[in-house]
PDB file of N, CA and C in Angstrom:
ATOM      1  N   UNK A   1       0.800  -1.215   0.007  1.00  0.00           N
ATOM      2  CA  UNK A   1       0.013  -0.004   0.002  1.00  0.00           C
ATOM      3  C   UNK A   1       0.958   1.164  -0.019  1.00  0.00           C
ATOM      4  N   UNK A   2       0.614   2.146  -0.783  1.00  0.00           N
ATOM      5  CA  UNK A   2       1.320   3.449  -0.953  1.00  0.00           C
ATOM      6  C   UNK A   2       0.648   4.394   0.022  1.00  0.00           C
ATOM      7  N   UNK A   3       1.454   5.060   0.935  1.00  0.00           N
ATOM      8  CA  UNK A   3       0.853   6.000   1.830  1.00  0.00           C
ATOM      9  C   UNK A   3       0.806   7.436   1.317  1.00  0.00           C
ATOM     10  N   UNK A   4      -0.192   8.167   1.716  1.00  0.00           N
ATOM     11  CA  UNK A   4      -0.355   9.515   1.245  1.00  0.00           C
ATOM     12  C   UNK A   4       0.695  10.387   2.144  1.00  0.00           C
ATOM     13  N   UNK A   5       0.937  11.652   1.688  1.00  0.00           N
ATOM     14  CA  UNK A   5       1.822  12.482   2.425  1.00  0.00           C
ATOM     15  C   UNK A   5       1.329  12.603   3.875  1.00  0.00           C
ATOM     16  N   UNK A   6       0.022  12.806   4.037  1.00  0.00           N
ATOM     17  CA  UNK A   6      -0.597  13.061   5.375  1.00  0.00           C
ATOM     18  C   UNK A   6      -0.343  11.746   6.221  1.00  0.00           C
ATOM     19  N   UNK A   7      -0.348  10.523   5.687  1.00  0.00           N
ATOM     20  CA  UNK A   7      -0.166   9.353   6.388  1.00  0.00           C
ATOM     21  C   UNK A   7       1.290   9.254   6.722  1.00  0.00           C
ATOM     22  N   UNK A   8       2.222   9.590   5.763  1.00  0.00           N
ATOM     23  CA  UNK A   8       3.623   9.465   6.038  1.00  0.00           C
ATOM     24  C   UNK A   8       4.099  10.417   7.112  1.00  0.00           C
ATOM     25  N   UNK A   9       3.496  11.563   7.264  1.00  0.00           N
ATOM     26  CA  UNK A   9       3.850  12.563   8.245  1.00  0.00           C
ATOM     27  C   UNK A   9       2.891  12.733   9.471  1.00  0.00           C
ATOM     28  N   UNK A  10       2.094  11.769   9.713  1.00  0.00           N
ATOM     29  CA  UNK A  10       1.108  11.838  10.802  1.00  0.00           C
ATOM     30  C   UNK A  10       1.889  11.812  12.101  1.00  0.00           C
ATOM     31  N   UNK A  11       1.745  12.911  12.934  1.00  0.00           N
ATOM     32  CA  UNK A  11       2.402  12.907  14.224  1.00  0.00           C
ATOM     33  C   UNK A  11       1.717  12.033  15.283  1.00  0.00           C
ATOM     34  N   UNK A  12       0.520  11.542  15.031  1.00  0.00           N
ATOM     35  CA  UNK A  12      -0.198  10.818  15.913  1.00  0.00           C
ATOM     36  C   UNK A  12       0.071   9.358  15.928  1.00  0.00           C
ATOM     37  N   UNK A  13       0.435   8.689  14.856  1.00  0.00           N
ATOM     38  CA  UNK A  13       0.593   7.257  14.810  1.00  0.00           C
ATOM     39  C   UNK A  13       1.953   6.837  14.446  1.00  0.00           C
ATOM     40  N   UNK A  14       2.878   7.759  14.167  1.00  0.00           N
ATOM     41  CA  UNK A  14       4.345   7.328  13.994  1.00  0.00           C
ATOM     42  C   UNK A  14       5.115   7.570  15.235  1.00  0.00           C
ATOM     43  N   UNK A  15       5.932   6.539  15.548  1.00  0.00           N
ATOM     44  CA  UNK A  15       6.771   6.661  16.763  1.00  0.00           C
ATOM     45  C   UNK A  15       8.018   7.633  16.465  1.00  0.00           C
ATOM     46  N   UNK A  16       8.682   7.473  15.383  1.00  0.00           N
ATOM     47  CA  UNK A  16       9.827   8.334  15.027  1.00  0.00           C
ATOM     48  C   UNK A  16      10.704   8.704  16.166  1.00  0.00           C
ATOM     49  N   UNK A  17      11.250   7.647  16.768  1.00  0.00           N
ATOM     50  CA  UNK A  17      12.251   7.861  17.878  1.00  0.00           C
ATOM     51  C   UNK A  17      11.688   8.233  19.121  1.00  0.00           C
ATOM     52  N   UNK A  18      10.384   8.348  19.344  1.00  0.00           N
ATOM     53  CA  UNK A  18       9.875   8.846  20.615  1.00  0.00           C
ATOM     54  C   UNK A  18      10.071   7.686  21.636  1.00  0.00           C
ATOM     55  N   UNK A  19      10.473   7.906  22.848  1.00  0.00           N
ATOM     56  CA  UNK A  19      10.530   6.970  23.935  1.00  0.00           C
ATOM     57  C   UNK A  19       9.215   6.594  24.529  1.00  0.00           C
ATOM     58  N   UNK A  20       8.246   7.630  24.405  1.00  0.00           N
ATOM     59  CA  UNK A  20       7.023   7.415  25.029  1.00  0.00           C
ATOM     60  C   UNK A  20       6.081   6.632  24.122  1.00  0.00           C
ATOM     61  N   UNK A  21       5.193   5.852  24.649  1.00  0.00           N
ATOM     62  CA  UNK A  21       4.200   5.126  23.801  1.00  0.00           C
ATOM     63  C   UNK A  21       2.840   5.633  23.930  1.00  0.00           C
ATOM     64  N   UNK A  22       2.710   6.981  24.200  1.00  0.00           N
ATOM     65  CA  UNK A  22       1.349   7.576  24.287  1.00  0.00           C
ATOM     66  C   UNK A  22       1.416   8.864  23.353  1.00  0.00           C
ATOM     67  N   UNK A  23       0.379   8.904  22.637  1.00  0.00           N
ATOM     68  CA  UNK A  23       0.206  10.011  21.631  1.00  0.00           C
ATOM     69  C   UNK A  23      -1.113  10.738  21.826  1.00  0.00           C
ATOM     70  N   UNK A  24      -1.028  11.999  22.144  1.00  0.00           N
ATOM     71  CA  UNK A  24      -2.165  12.821  22.305  1.00  0.00           C
ATOM     72  C   UNK A  24      -2.751  13.163  20.982  1.00  0.00           C
ATOM     73  N   UNK A  25      -4.151  13.009  20.885  1.00  0.00           N
ATOM     74  CA  UNK A  25      -4.798  13.447  19.700  1.00  0.00           C
ATOM     75  C   UNK A  25      -5.609  14.646  19.979  1.00  0.00           C
ATOM     76  N   UNK A  26      -6.271  14.746  21.087  1.00  0.00           N
ATOM     77  CA  UNK A  26      -6.952  15.940  21.514  1.00  0.00           C
ATOM     78  C   UNK A  26      -6.883  16.109  22.972  1.00  0.00           C
ATOM     79  N   UNK A  27      -6.702  17.275  23.365  1.00  0.00           N
ATOM     80  CA  UNK A  27      -6.542  17.624  24.805  1.00  0.00           C
ATOM     81  C   UNK A  27      -7.184  19.007  25.021  1.00  0.00           C
ATOM     82  N   UNK A  28      -8.493  18.836  25.424  1.00  0.00           N
ATOM     83  CA  UNK A  28      -9.203  20.097  25.737  1.00  0.00           C
ATOM     84  C   UNK A  28      -9.752  19.913  27.057  1.00  0.00           C
ATOM     85  N   UNK A  29     -10.111  20.952  27.843  1.00  0.00           N
ATOM     86  CA  UNK A  29     -10.665  20.727  29.183  1.00  0.00           C
ATOM     87  C   UNK A  29     -11.826  19.836  29.293  1.00  0.00           C
ATOM     88  N   UNK A  30     -11.786  18.825  30.099  1.00  0.00           N
ATOM     89  CA  UNK A  30     -12.907  17.933  30.219  1.00  0.00           C
ATOM     90  C   UNK A  30     -12.881  16.771  29.179  1.00  0.00           C
ATOM     91  N   UNK A  31     -12.108  16.813  28.139  1.00  0.00           N
ATOM     92  CA  UNK A  31     -12.163  15.701  27.187  1.00  0.00           C
ATOM     93  C   UNK A  31     -10.714  15.489  26.629  1.00  0.00           C
ATOM     94  N   UNK A  32     -10.186  14.344  26.789  1.00  0.00           N
ATOM     95  CA  UNK A  32      -8.852  14.045  26.260  1.00  0.00           C
ATOM     96  C   UNK A  32      -8.920  12.733  25.527  1.00  0.00           C
ATOM     97  N   UNK A  33      -8.135  12.646  24.358  1.00  0.00           N
ATOM     98  CA  UNK A  33      -8.227  11.351  23.541  1.00  0.00           C
ATOM     99  C   UNK A  33      -6.820  11.166  23.062  1.00  0.00           C
ATOM    100  N   UNK A  34      -6.387   9.924  22.905  1.00  0.00           N
ATOM    101  CA  UNK A  34      -5.057   9.631  22.454  1.00  0.00           C
ATOM    102  C   UNK A  34      -4.883   8.176  22.118  1.00  0.00           C
ATOM    103  N   UNK A  35      -3.735   7.852  21.674  1.00  0.00           N
ATOM    104  CA  UNK A  35      -3.362   6.443  21.237  1.00  0.00           C
ATOM    105  C   UNK A  35      -2.252   6.025  22.193  1.00  0.00           C
ATOM    106  N   UNK A  36      -2.317   4.758  22.730  1.00  0.00           N
ATOM    107  CA  UNK A  36      -1.391   4.185  23.615  1.00  0.00           C
ATOM    108  C   UNK A  36      -0.850   2.906  22.925  1.00  0.00           C
ATOM    109  N   UNK A  37       0.446   2.689  22.924  1.00  0.00           N
ATOM    110  CA  UNK A  37       1.057   1.475  22.381  1.00  0.00           C
ATOM    111  C   UNK A  37       1.181   0.450  23.510  1.00  0.00           C
ATOM    112  N   UNK A  38       0.591  -0.719  23.155  1.00  0.00           N
ATOM    113  CA  UNK A  38       0.727  -1.875  24.123  1.00  0.00           C
ATOM    114  C   UNK A  38       1.415  -3.017  23.312  1.00  0.00           C
ATOM    115  N   UNK A  39       1.617  -4.120  23.983  1.00  0.00           N
ATOM    116  CA  UNK A  39       2.409  -5.190  23.268  1.00  0.00           C
ATOM    117  C   UNK A  39       1.621  -5.766  22.128  1.00  0.00           C
ATOM    118  N   UNK A  40       0.274  -5.702  22.144  1.00  0.00           N
ATOM    119  CA  UNK A  40      -0.513  -6.138  20.966  1.00  0.00           C
ATOM    120  C   UNK A  40      -0.867  -5.152  19.904  1.00  0.00           C
ATOM    121  N   UNK A  41      -0.349  -3.937  20.083  1.00  0.00           N
ATOM    122  CA  UNK A  41      -0.599  -2.874  19.118  1.00  0.00           C
ATOM    123  C   UNK A  41      -1.085  -1.560  19.693  1.00  0.00           C
ATOM    124  N   UNK A  42      -1.580  -0.649  18.841  1.00  0.00           N
ATOM    125  CA  UNK A  42      -2.134   0.670  19.350  1.00  0.00           C
ATOM    126  C   UNK A  42      -3.595   0.504  19.747  1.00  0.00           C
ATOM    127  N   UNK A  43      -3.898   1.207  20.896  1.00  0.00           N
ATOM    128  CA  UNK A  43      -5.256   1.218  21.462  1.00  0.00           C
ATOM    129  C   UNK A  43      -5.655   2.727  21.516  1.00  0.00           C
ATOM    130  N   UNK A  44      -6.984   2.971  21.297  1.00  0.00           N
ATOM    131  CA  UNK A  44      -7.478   4.337  21.491  1.00  0.00           C
ATOM    132  C   UNK A  44      -8.067   4.470  22.802  1.00  0.00           C
ATOM    133  N   UNK A  45      -7.768   5.610  23.421  1.00  0.00           N
ATOM    134  CA  UNK A  45      -8.389   5.833  24.765  1.00  0.00           C
ATOM    135  C   UNK A  45      -8.936   7.252  24.761  1.00  0.00           C
ATOM    136  N   UNK A  46      -9.950   7.390  25.624  1.00  0.00           N
ATOM    137  CA  UNK A  46     -10.571   8.679  25.825  1.00  0.00           C
ATOM    138  C   UNK A  46     -10.846   8.888  27.365  1.00  0.00           C
ATOM    139  N   UNK A  47     -10.926  10.119  27.657  1.00  0.00           N
ATOM    140  CA  UNK A  47     -11.185  10.489  29.076  1.00  0.00           C
ATOM    141  C   UNK A  47     -12.172  11.668  29.093  1.00  0.00           C
ATOM    142  N   UNK A  48     -13.301  11.470  29.626  1.00  0.00           N
ATOM    143  CA  UNK A  48     -14.281  12.514  29.691  1.00  0.00           C
ATOM    144  C   UNK A  48     -14.656  12.768  31.190  1.00  0.00           C
ATOM    145  N   UNK A  49     -14.150  13.913  31.621  1.00  0.00           N
ATOM    146  CA  UNK A  49     -14.196  14.366  33.024  1.00  0.00           C
ATOM    147  C   UNK A  49     -13.580  13.247  33.963  1.00  0.00           C
ATOM    148  N   UNK A  50     -14.231  12.520  34.619  1.00  0.00           N
ATOM    149  CA  UNK A  50     -13.601  11.489  35.522  1.00  0.00           C
ATOM    150  C   UNK A  50     -13.752  10.141  35.055  1.00  0.00           C
ATOM    151  N   UNK A  51     -14.210   9.826  33.789  1.00  0.00           N
ATOM    152  CA  UNK A  51     -14.407   8.561  33.212  1.00  0.00           C
ATOM    153  C   UNK A  51     -13.251   8.265  32.179  1.00  0.00           C
ATOM    154  N   UNK A  52     -12.634   7.101  32.334  1.00  0.00           N
ATOM    155  CA  UNK A  52     -11.557   6.752  31.346  1.00  0.00           C
ATOM    156  C   UNK A  52     -12.168   5.516  30.546  1.00  0.00           C
ATOM    157  N   UNK A  53     -12.029   5.530  29.254  1.00  0.00           N
ATOM    158  CA  UNK A  53     -12.462   4.499  28.402  1.00  0.00           C
ATOM    159  C   UNK A  53     -11.282   4.150  27.415  1.00  0.00           C
ATOM    160  N   UNK A  54     -10.986   2.910  27.440  1.00  0.00           N
ATOM    161  CA  UNK A  54      -9.929   2.371  26.474  1.00  0.00           C
ATOM    162  C   UNK A  54     -10.455   1.329  25.600  1.00  0.00           C
ATOM    163  N   UNK A  55      -9.886   1.144  24.415  1.00  0.00           N
ATOM    164  CA  UNK A  55     -10.364   0.089  23.492  1.00  0.00           C
ATOM    165  C   UNK A  55      -9.705  -1.285  24.054  1.00  0.00           C
ATOM    166  N   UNK A  56     -10.454  -2.276  24.035  1.00  0.00           N
ATOM    167  CA  UNK A  56     -10.044  -3.607  24.430  1.00  0.00           C
ATOM    168  C   UNK A  56      -9.208  -4.239  23.383  1.00  0.00           C
ATOM    169  N   UNK A  57      -9.608  -4.100  22.192  1.00  0.00           N
ATOM    170  CA  UNK A  57      -8.856  -4.668  20.941  1.00  0.00           C
ATOM    171  C   UNK A  57      -8.010  -3.590  20.349  1.00  0.00           C
ATOM    172  N   UNK A  58      -6.834  -3.946  19.768  1.00  0.00           N
ATOM    173  CA  UNK A  58      -5.989  -2.985  19.077  1.00  0.00           C
ATOM    174  C   UNK A  58      -6.791  -2.412  17.898  1.00  0.00           C
ATOM    175  N   UNK A  59      -6.632  -1.110  17.645  1.00  0.00           N
ATOM    176  CA  UNK A  59      -7.252  -0.447  16.433  1.00  0.00           C
ATOM    177  C   UNK A  59      -6.483  -0.741  15.129  1.00  0.00           C
ATOM    178  N   UNK A  60      -7.206  -0.760  14.070  1.00  0.00           N
ATOM    179  CA  UNK A  60      -6.563  -1.234  12.747  1.00  0.00           C
ATOM    180  C   UNK A  60      -6.093   0.029  12.010  1.00  0.00           C
ATOM    181  N   UNK A  61      -6.688   1.141  12.263  1.00  0.00           N
ATOM    182  CA  UNK A  61      -6.255   2.419  11.510  1.00  0.00           C
ATOM    183  C   UNK A  61      -6.101   3.534  12.374  1.00  0.00           C
ATOM    184  N   UNK A  62      -5.295   4.515  12.016  1.00  0.00           N
ATOM    185  CA  UNK A  62      -5.116   5.784  12.854  1.00  0.00           C
ATOM    186  C   UNK A  62      -6.381   6.553  12.713  1.00  0.00           C
ATOM    187  N   UNK A  63      -6.902   7.023  13.811  1.00  0.00           N
ATOM    188  CA  UNK A  63      -8.179   7.756  13.591  1.00  0.00           C
ATOM    189  C   UNK A  63      -7.945   9.191  13.022  1.00  0.00           C
ATOM    190  N   UNK A  64      -6.737   9.691  12.919  1.00  0.00           N
ATOM    191  CA  UNK A  64      -6.457  11.063  12.394  1.00  0.00           C
ATOM    192  C   UNK A  64      -6.173  11.013  10.961  1.00  0.00           C
ATOM    193  N   UNK A  65      -5.265   9.971  10.422  1.00  0.00           N
ATOM    194  CA  UNK A  65      -4.925   9.947   9.053  1.00  0.00           C
ATOM    195  C   UNK A  65      -5.384   8.752   8.236  1.00  0.00           C
ATOM    196  N   UNK A  66      -5.992   7.759   8.906  1.00  0.00           N
ATOM    197  CA  UNK A  66      -6.461   6.556   8.291  1.00  0.00           C
ATOM    198  C   UNK A  66      -5.371   5.542   7.900  1.00  0.00           C
ATOM    199  N   UNK A  67      -4.104   5.747   8.297  1.00  0.00           N
ATOM    200  CA  UNK A  67      -3.093   4.777   7.985  1.00  0.00           C
ATOM    201  C   UNK A  67      -3.316   3.400   8.670  1.00  0.00           C
ATOM    202  N   UNK A  68      -3.139   2.354   7.958  1.00  0.00           N
ATOM    203  CA  UNK A  68      -3.286   1.022   8.660  1.00  0.00           C
ATOM    204  C   UNK A  68      -2.166   0.873   9.645  1.00  0.00           C
ATOM    205  N   UNK A  69      -2.507   0.405  10.852  1.00  0.00           N
ATOM    206  CA  UNK A  69      -1.498   0.250  11.833  1.00  0.00           C
ATOM    207  C   UNK A  69      -1.016  -1.234  12.159  1.00  0.00           C
ATOM    208  N   UNK A  70      -1.419  -2.125  11.291  1.00  0.00           N
ATOM    209  CA  UNK A  70      -0.977  -3.467  11.400  1.00  0.00           C
ATOM    210  C   UNK A  70       0.407  -3.691  10.857  1.00  0.00           C
ATOM    211  N   UNK A  71       1.086  -4.657  11.275  1.00  0.00           N
ATOM    212  CA  UNK A  71       2.539  -4.826  10.927  1.00  0.00           C
ATOM    213  C   UNK A  71       2.664  -5.322   9.423  1.00  0.00           C
ATOM    214  N   UNK A  72       1.687  -5.875   8.820  1.00  0.00           N
ATOM    215  CA  UNK A  72       1.819  -6.476   7.468  1.00  0.00           C
ATOM    216  C   UNK A  72       1.917  -5.360   6.334  1.00  0.00           C
ATOM    217  N   UNK A  73       1.517  -4.135   6.689  1.00  0.00           N
ATOM    218  CA  UNK A  73       1.519  -3.027   5.789  1.00  0.00           C
ATOM    219  C   UNK A  73       3.017  -2.580   5.603  1.00  0.00           C
ATOM    220  N   UNK A  74       3.499  -2.438   4.274  1.00  0.00           N
ATOM    221  CA  UNK A  74       4.816  -2.015   4.075  1.00  0.00           C
ATOM    222  C   UNK A  74       4.788  -0.492   3.980  1.00  0.00           C
ATOM    223  N   UNK A  75       5.625   0.164   4.716  1.00  0.00           N
ATOM    224  CA  UNK A  75       5.642   1.639   4.777  1.00  0.00           C
ATOM    225  C   UNK A  75       6.594   2.121   3.709  1.00  0.00           C
ATOM    226  N   UNK A  76       6.138   2.826   2.714  1.00  0.00           N
ATOM    227  CA  UNK A  76       7.096   3.227   1.736  1.00  0.00           C
ATOM    228  C   UNK A  76       7.428   4.705   1.968  1.00  0.00           C
TER     229      UNK A  76
END
């Protein structure tokens, strides 16, 4: 699969040397959303006031750029 420029440069789903495995997508008062890297892949999480919700299964695509997040995709 050939990646678009937006997918190649997405700051939300590329690690690019980052030591942290948490990527913030949205951070506004009362509502936070991000990606977290676990052993089985990237998971989406949200926090609304005092409630935390995380995806149980790894997500297949970046919610910001649509890039497939599975290991079988060749990144060009």
